[in-house]
């Protein structure tokens, strides 16, 4: 009798697992097919100069989200949620590294002061403007009781910009000056926003003096310099290891894998040390393109080029599709339109 009960439970469990696996396979198949459609349609529309590839992916994602909600009557709205860990840990590092690796270095450093002006001073102006607007709007709407530090936190969050989608529209070869300005501003903006948000965690509006301001400036300089140094150090270390060990003589695969993993390691170390991962992996890409690139074998250069360009491009397309996909979220039985969050959020 006991064996029959156990057998029945195992049969029921295997049936449930089979149903779950089938649903996962169907979801992944549909998702991959839609990404293929994004690539094909995006290419056709971009060739005819009608729509950008990222805009096409965004529209397809929006339409797919609507179809899922309407056909399942909101029961499958959980599939529209885009994991932030997926974006920050797996999608963002290759995109930023490729941008740093491919950036026109002379153009970037020639305009570094302008980039810093937009990224640091512009972010501070945006921070104060949004904070004051939040105070004025929330006081009129009578939404709970918020402290001054809460309004400043809102300003710090919304002053963070997302340059990934912007760079999808720009072409580095056609507009190198504008591309370097936009991307550089995004990198410095990330560092400034992180420092702002971290400084506001222990902020007391009743104790604002010169020491607090100097401490904030010191934290910003520490974050910027430390993140940059970590990226430069990792890039130089990869060049030194590859040059001394000459790994490519024995295995091209190991050489390419070491380059990719060292770049990813710089990003994860920065996140582990509470630094700016975007800033770190960006400068790691710049250093690797200048030093590591000239120490790898010719076959490794070809392989690296073949992986660097299509992989981040596909990831950017995936991000655009998911932004449209998650635009519709069903909460408490009410269909709400939500804007995609920026990286700091």
Protein backbone atom coordinates (compact mmCIF):
# COMPACT_ATOMS: atom_id res chain seq x y z
CA UNK A 1 0.00 0.00 0.00
CA UNK A 2 2.84 2.37 0.92
CA UNK A 3 4.61 1.66 -2.38
CA UNK A 4 1.46 2.55 -4.30
CA UNK A 5 1.16 5.89 -2.50
CA UNK A 6 4.81 6.71 -3.20
CA UNK A 7 4.42 5.68 -6.86
CA UNK A 8 1.33 7.88 -7.20
CA UNK A 9 3.17 10.86 -5.68
CA UNK A 10 6.14 10.34 -8.00
CA UNK A 11 3.86 10.09 -11.03
CA UNK A 12 2.09 13.29 -10.03
CA UNK A 13 5.42 15.05 -9.46
CA UNK A 14 6.86 13.93 -12.80
CA UNK A 15 3.71 15.09 -14.55
CA UNK A 16 3.98 18.52 -12.94
CA UNK A 17 7.66 18.77 -13.89
CA UNK A 18 6.86 17.70 -17.44
CA UNK A 19 4.22 20.41 -17.73
CA UNK A 20 6.61 23.01 -16.32
CA UNK A 21 9.40 21.98 -18.72
CA UNK A 22 6.99 22.09 -21.66
CA UNK A 23 5.87 25.61 -20.71
CA UNK A 24 9.51 26.73 -20.41
CA UNK A 25 10.39 25.27 -23.81
CA UNK A 26 7.40 26.99 -25.42
CA UNK A 27 8.31 30.33 -23.81
CA UNK A 28 11.96 30.14 -24.85
CA UNK A 29 11.05 29.07 -28.39
CA UNK A 30 8.65 31.99 -28.74
CA UNK A 31 11.20 34.38 -27.29
CA UNK A 32 14.03 33.28 -29.61
CA UNK A 33 11.69 33.43 -32.63
CA UNK A 34 10.69 36.99 -31.72
CA UNK A 35 14.35 38.02 -31.39
CA UNK A 36 15.02 36.59 -34.85
CA UNK A 37 12.06 38.60 -36.14
CA UNK A 38 13.53 41.71 -34.48
CA UNK A 39 16.83 41.19 -36.30
CA UNK A 40 15.24 40.57 -39.71
CA UNK A 41 12.61 43.33 -39.54
CA UNK A 42 15.06 45.74 -37.93
CA UNK A 43 17.53 45.18 -40.74
CA UNK A 44 14.91 45.68 -43.46
CA UNK A 45 13.48 48.84 -41.89
CA UNK A 46 16.90 50.29 -41.12
CA UNK A 47 18.09 49.66 -44.67
CA UNK A 48 15.11 51.64 -45.96
CA UNK A 49 15.74 54.35 -43.33
CA UNK A 50 12.25 53.97 -41.87
CA UNK A 51 13.02 52.86 -38.32
CA UNK A 52 16.08 52.15 -36.22
CA UNK A 53 16.69 48.51 -35.26
CA UNK A 54 16.27 49.23 -31.55
CA UNK A 55 12.97 51.05 -32.17
CA UNK A 56 11.73 48.04 -34.14
CA UNK A 57 12.64 45.71 -31.27
CA UNK A 58 10.91 48.05 -28.81
CA UNK A 59 7.70 48.08 -30.87
CA UNK A 60 7.73 44.29 -31.28
CA UNK A 61 8.21 43.93 -27.53
CA UNK A 62 5.29 46.28 -26.86
CA UNK A 63 2.99 44.38 -29.20
CA UNK A 64 4.07 41.04 -27.75
CA UNK A 65 3.33 42.23 -24.23
CA UNK A 66 -0.16 43.34 -25.24
CA UNK A 67 -0.86 40.00 -26.95
CA UNK A 68 0.31 38.03 -23.90
CA UNK A 69 -1.87 40.05 -21.54
CA UNK A 70 -4.94 39.83 -23.78
CA UNK A 71 -4.67 36.12 -24.60
CA UNK A 72 -3.96 35.03 -21.01
CA UNK A 73 -6.26 37.66 -19.43
CA UNK A 74 -3.44 38.89 -17.22
CA UNK A 75 -2.59 35.48 -15.76
CA UNK A 76 0.86 35.44 -17.37
CA UNK A 77 1.82 39.02 -16.54
CA UNK A 78 4.72 37.72 -14.44
CA UNK A 79 6.63 36.83 -17.62
CA UNK A 80 6.74 40.54 -18.50
CA UNK A 81 8.95 41.34 -15.51
CA UNK A 82 12.54 42.00 -16.57
CA UNK A 83 15.09 40.93 -13.95
CA UNK A 84 17.41 43.79 -13.07
CA UNK A 85 20.15 41.29 -12.18
CA UNK A 86 19.97 39.93 -15.72
CA UNK A 87 20.58 43.42 -17.11
CA UNK A 88 23.30 44.57 -14.70
CA UNK A 89 25.25 41.30 -14.43
CA UNK A 90 24.96 39.78 -17.91
CA UNK A 91 23.83 42.39 -20.46
CA UNK A 92 25.41 45.69 -19.41
CA UNK A 93 29.13 44.70 -19.01
CA UNK A 94 29.63 43.44 -22.62
CA UNK A 95 27.83 46.49 -24.03
CA UNK A 96 29.96 48.99 -22.09
CA UNK A 97 33.18 47.05 -22.65
CA UNK A 98 32.61 46.96 -26.40
CA UNK A 99 31.91 50.70 -26.41
CA UNK A 100 35.17 51.37 -24.56
CA UNK A 101 37.07 48.95 -26.80
CA UNK A 102 35.74 50.50 -30.01
CA UNK A 103 35.70 54.16 -28.91
CA UNK A 104 37.84 56.65 -30.79
CA UNK A 105 40.40 57.31 -28.06
CA UNK A 106 41.83 60.54 -29.45
CA UNK A 107 38.35 61.96 -29.93
CA UNK A 108 37.30 60.89 -26.44
CA UNK A 109 40.26 62.32 -24.51
CA UNK A 110 40.34 65.48 -26.63
CA UNK A 111 36.81 66.25 -25.42
CA UNK A 112 37.28 64.93 -21.88
CA UNK A 113 36.75 68.31 -20.20
CA UNK A 114 33.51 68.83 -22.12
CA UNK A 115 32.40 65.32 -21.21
CA UNK A 116 33.16 65.97 -17.53
CA UNK A 117 31.24 69.24 -17.70
CA UNK A 118 28.16 67.52 -19.07
CA UNK A 119 28.50 64.41 -16.91
CA UNK A 120 29.31 65.98 -13.54
CA UNK A 121 28.05 69.56 -13.59
CA UNK A 122 25.06 68.68 -15.78
CA UNK A 123 24.08 65.85 -13.45
CA UNK A 124 24.28 68.16 -10.42
CA UNK A 125 22.05 70.71 -12.18
CA UNK A 126 19.58 67.97 -13.07
CA UNK A 127 19.72 66.68 -9.49
CA UNK A 128 18.81 70.04 -7.94
CA UNK A 129 16.14 70.78 -10.56
CA UNK A 130 14.39 67.42 -10.10
CA UNK A 131 14.65 67.62 -6.30
CA UNK A 132 13.05 71.09 -6.18
CA UNK A 133 10.35 70.03 -8.63
CA UNK A 134 9.62 66.93 -6.53
CA UNK A 135 9.25 69.06 -3.40
CA UNK A 136 6.83 71.41 -5.17
CA UNK A 137 4.75 68.66 -6.80
CA UNK A 138 4.55 66.29 -3.83
CA UNK A 139 3.59 69.09 -1.44
CA UNK A 140 0.62 69.98 -3.64
CA UNK A 141 -0.46 66.37 -4.09
CA UNK A 142 -0.37 65.65 -0.33
CA UNK A 143 1.27 62.25 -0.80
CA UNK A 144 2.33 61.12 2.67
CA UNK A 145 5.11 62.71 4.68
CA UNK A 146 8.48 62.77 2.97
CA UNK A 147 11.68 64.24 4.36
CA UNK A 148 14.04 66.50 2.48
CA UNK A 149 16.45 63.59 2.13
CA UNK A 150 13.70 61.58 0.38
CA UNK A 151 13.20 64.32 -2.21
CA UNK A 152 16.95 64.54 -2.73
CA UNK A 153 17.07 60.77 -3.23
CA UNK A 154 14.38 61.11 -5.91
CA UNK A 155 16.51 63.76 -7.61
CA UNK A 156 19.59 61.52 -7.48
CA UNK A 157 17.72 58.56 -8.97
CA UNK A 158 16.10 60.44 -11.85
CA UNK A 159 19.24 62.41 -12.69
CA UNK A 160 20.85 59.13 -13.76
CA UNK A 161 20.58 58.77 -17.52
CA UNK A 162 20.64 55.66 -19.69
CA UNK A 163 23.08 56.08 -22.58
CA UNK A 164 22.64 52.51 -23.89
CA UNK A 165 19.46 53.27 -25.83
CA UNK A 166 20.84 56.62 -27.01
CA UNK A 167 23.94 54.97 -28.44
CA UNK A 168 21.71 52.63 -30.43
CA UNK A 169 20.58 55.61 -32.50
CA UNK A 170 24.06 57.07 -33.05
CA UNK A 171 26.72 55.66 -35.34
CA UNK A 172 30.29 56.02 -34.13
CA UNK A 173 31.73 56.22 -37.65
CA UNK A 174 29.21 58.78 -38.93
CA UNK A 175 29.08 61.00 -35.80
CA UNK A 176 32.27 60.31 -33.80
CA UNK A 177 32.22 63.63 -31.92
CA UNK A 178 28.60 63.33 -30.79
CA UNK A 179 29.07 59.63 -29.99
CA UNK A 180 32.06 60.30 -27.74
CA UNK A 181 30.23 63.13 -25.96
CA UNK A 182 27.07 61.11 -25.32
CA UNK A 183 28.83 57.98 -24.17
CA UNK A 184 31.40 59.83 -22.07
CA UNK A 185 28.65 61.85 -20.42
CA UNK A 186 26.83 58.63 -19.59
CA UNK A 187 29.93 57.15 -17.94
CA UNK A 188 30.65 60.24 -15.81
CA UNK A 189 26.94 60.60 -15.08
CA UNK A 190 26.91 57.08 -13.65
CA UNK A 191 29.77 57.87 -11.27
CA UNK A 192 28.18 61.16 -10.17
CA UNK A 193 24.76 59.60 -9.60
CA UNK A 194 26.19 56.73 -7.54
CA UNK A 195 28.14 59.17 -5.35
CA UNK A 196 25.06 61.35 -4.91
CA UNK A 197 22.84 58.45 -3.93
CA UNK A 198 25.39 56.96 -1.53
CA UNK A 199 26.06 60.35 0.08
CA UNK A 200 22.34 60.84 0.69
CA UNK A 201 22.08 57.59 2.65
CA UNK A 202 23.63 59.30 5.70
CA UNK A 203 22.54 62.83 4.84
CA UNK A 204 21.19 65.12 7.55
CA UNK A 205 19.58 68.31 6.12
CA UNK A 206 20.10 70.06 9.44
CA UNK A 207 23.87 69.64 9.27
CA UNK A 208 25.00 71.17 5.99
CA UNK A 209 28.40 72.83 6.21
CA UNK A 210 31.68 73.07 4.35
CA UNK A 211 32.88 69.75 5.77
CA UNK A 212 29.87 67.89 4.35
CA UNK A 213 30.41 69.45 0.92
CA UNK A 214 34.13 68.63 0.96
CA UNK A 215 33.32 65.07 2.03
CA UNK A 216 30.96 64.72 -0.91
CA UNK A 217 33.57 66.01 -3.35
CA UNK A 218 36.11 63.65 -1.80
CA UNK A 219 33.77 60.69 -2.26
CA UNK A 220 33.21 61.63 -5.89
CA UNK A 221 36.93 61.91 -6.58
CA UNK A 222 37.56 58.61 -4.76
CA UNK A 223 34.89 56.78 -6.77
CA UNK A 224 36.02 58.24 -10.09
CA UNK A 225 39.74 57.67 -9.53
CA UNK A 226 39.35 54.23 -7.93
CA UNK A 227 37.02 52.95 -10.65
CA UNK A 228 39.30 54.28 -13.38
CA UNK A 229 42.41 52.84 -11.72
CA UNK A 230 40.82 49.41 -11.32
CA UNK A 231 39.85 49.33 -15.00
CA UNK A 232 43.30 50.50 -16.15
CA UNK A 233 45.06 48.04 -13.83
CA UNK A 234 42.98 45.09 -15.05
CA UNK A 235 43.62 46.03 -18.68
CA UNK A 236 47.38 46.35 -18.12
CA UNK A 237 47.45 43.08 -16.16
CA UNK A 238 45.78 41.24 -19.03
CA UNK A 239 48.31 42.68 -21.49
CA UNK A 240 51.23 41.69 -19.23
CA UNK A 241 49.98 38.12 -18.69
CA UNK A 242 49.32 37.54 -22.38
CA UNK A 243 52.68 39.02 -23.39
CA UNK A 244 54.73 37.05 -20.86
CA UNK A 245 52.96 33.71 -21.15
CA UNK A 246 52.28 34.00 -24.88
CA UNK A 247 49.14 31.91 -24.50
CA UNK A 248 48.09 32.36 -28.13
CA UNK A 249 51.05 30.29 -29.30
CA UNK A 250 49.41 27.23 -27.77
CA UNK A 251 45.69 28.08 -27.84
CA UNK A 252 43.79 30.93 -29.44
CA UNK A 253 40.67 30.00 -27.50
CA UNK A 254 42.40 30.45 -24.14
CA UNK A 255 43.80 33.81 -25.18
CA UNK A 256 40.41 35.16 -26.27
CA UNK A 257 38.72 33.70 -23.19
CA UNK A 258 41.29 35.38 -20.93
CA UNK A 259 40.65 38.77 -22.52
CA UNK A 260 36.88 38.46 -22.11
CA UNK A 261 37.04 37.09 -18.57
CA UNK A 262 39.51 39.74 -17.37
CA UNK A 263 37.20 42.46 -18.65
CA UNK A 264 34.22 40.86 -16.90
CA UNK A 265 36.30 40.43 -13.75
CA UNK A 266 37.00 44.17 -13.63
CA UNK A 267 33.26 44.91 -13.68
CA UNK A 268 32.45 42.40 -10.93
CA UNK A 269 35.34 43.59 -8.74
CA UNK A 270 34.09 47.17 -9.06
CA UNK A 271 30.60 46.12 -7.99
CA UNK A 272 32.08 44.10 -5.12
CA UNK A 273 34.05 47.14 -3.90
CA UNK A 274 31.02 49.48 -4.28
CA UNK A 275 32.67 51.33 -7.16
CA UNK A 276 31.26 52.21 -10.58
CA UNK A 277 31.29 49.05 -12.67
CA UNK A 278 30.41 51.00 -15.82
CA UNK A 279 33.37 53.34 -15.37
CA UNK A 280 35.72 50.45 -14.60
CA UNK A 281 34.84 48.21 -17.54
CA UNK A 282 34.81 51.20 -19.89
CA UNK A 283 38.41 52.18 -19.09
CA UNK A 284 39.36 48.51 -19.07
CA UNK A 285 38.11 48.34 -22.66
CA UNK A 286 40.12 51.43 -23.62
CA UNK A 287 43.35 50.03 -22.12
CA UNK A 288 42.81 46.58 -23.63
CA UNK A 289 42.26 48.06 -27.09
CA UNK A 290 45.55 49.96 -26.78
CA UNK A 291 47.82 47.39 -25.10
CA UNK A 292 46.28 43.91 -24.91
CA UNK A 293 45.13 44.04 -28.53
CA UNK A 294 48.72 44.40 -29.79
CA UNK A 295 49.98 41.47 -27.68
CA UNK A 296 47.54 38.82 -28.88
CA UNK A 297 48.12 36.72 -31.98
CA UNK A 298 46.61 37.59 -35.34
CA UNK A 299 44.11 34.74 -35.15
CA UNK A 300 43.02 35.93 -31.69
CA UNK A 301 42.46 39.43 -33.06
CA UNK A 302 40.18 38.07 -35.75
CA UNK A 303 38.29 35.93 -33.25
CA UNK A 304 37.96 38.80 -30.76
CA UNK A 305 36.66 41.14 -33.46
CA UNK A 306 34.13 38.54 -34.55
CA UNK A 307 32.81 38.23 -30.99
CA UNK A 308 32.99 41.84 -29.83
CA UNK A 309 30.80 43.41 -32.49
CA UNK A 310 27.82 41.02 -32.88
CA UNK A 311 27.52 40.02 -29.21
CA UNK A 312 26.95 43.53 -27.72
CA UNK A 313 24.79 44.43 -30.71
CA UNK A 314 22.54 41.43 -30.01
CA UNK A 315 22.46 42.29 -26.30
CA UNK A 316 21.40 45.87 -27.05
CA UNK A 317 18.66 44.51 -29.28
CA UNK A 318 17.61 42.14 -26.50
CA UNK A 319 17.49 45.05 -24.02
CA UNK A 320 15.31 47.13 -26.35
CA UNK A 321 12.97 44.19 -26.88
CA UNK A 322 12.68 43.57 -23.14
CA UNK A 323 12.00 47.26 -22.44
CA UNK A 324 9.02 47.07 -24.76
CA UNK A 325 8.07 43.65 -23.41
CA UNK A 326 7.96 44.83 -19.77
CA UNK A 327 6.22 48.13 -20.55
CA UNK A 328 2.87 46.57 -19.69
CA UNK A 329 2.60 45.25 -16.17
CA UNK A 330 -0.56 43.93 -14.55
CA UNK A 331 -0.83 44.86 -10.89
CA UNK A 332 -3.77 44.22 -8.63
CA UNK A 333 -6.06 43.67 -11.62
CA UNK A 334 -5.34 47.12 -13.09
CA UNK A 335 -3.37 47.57 -16.29
CA UNK A 336 -0.72 50.20 -15.73
CA UNK A 337 1.71 51.71 -18.20
CA UNK A 338 5.14 51.90 -16.63
CA UNK A 339 8.22 53.57 -18.02
CA UNK A 340 11.42 51.53 -18.19
CA UNK A 341 13.69 52.19 -15.26
CA UNK A 342 17.08 53.79 -15.71
CA UNK A 343 20.26 51.94 -14.64
CA UNK A 344 20.51 53.51 -11.16
CA UNK A 345 17.01 52.36 -10.32
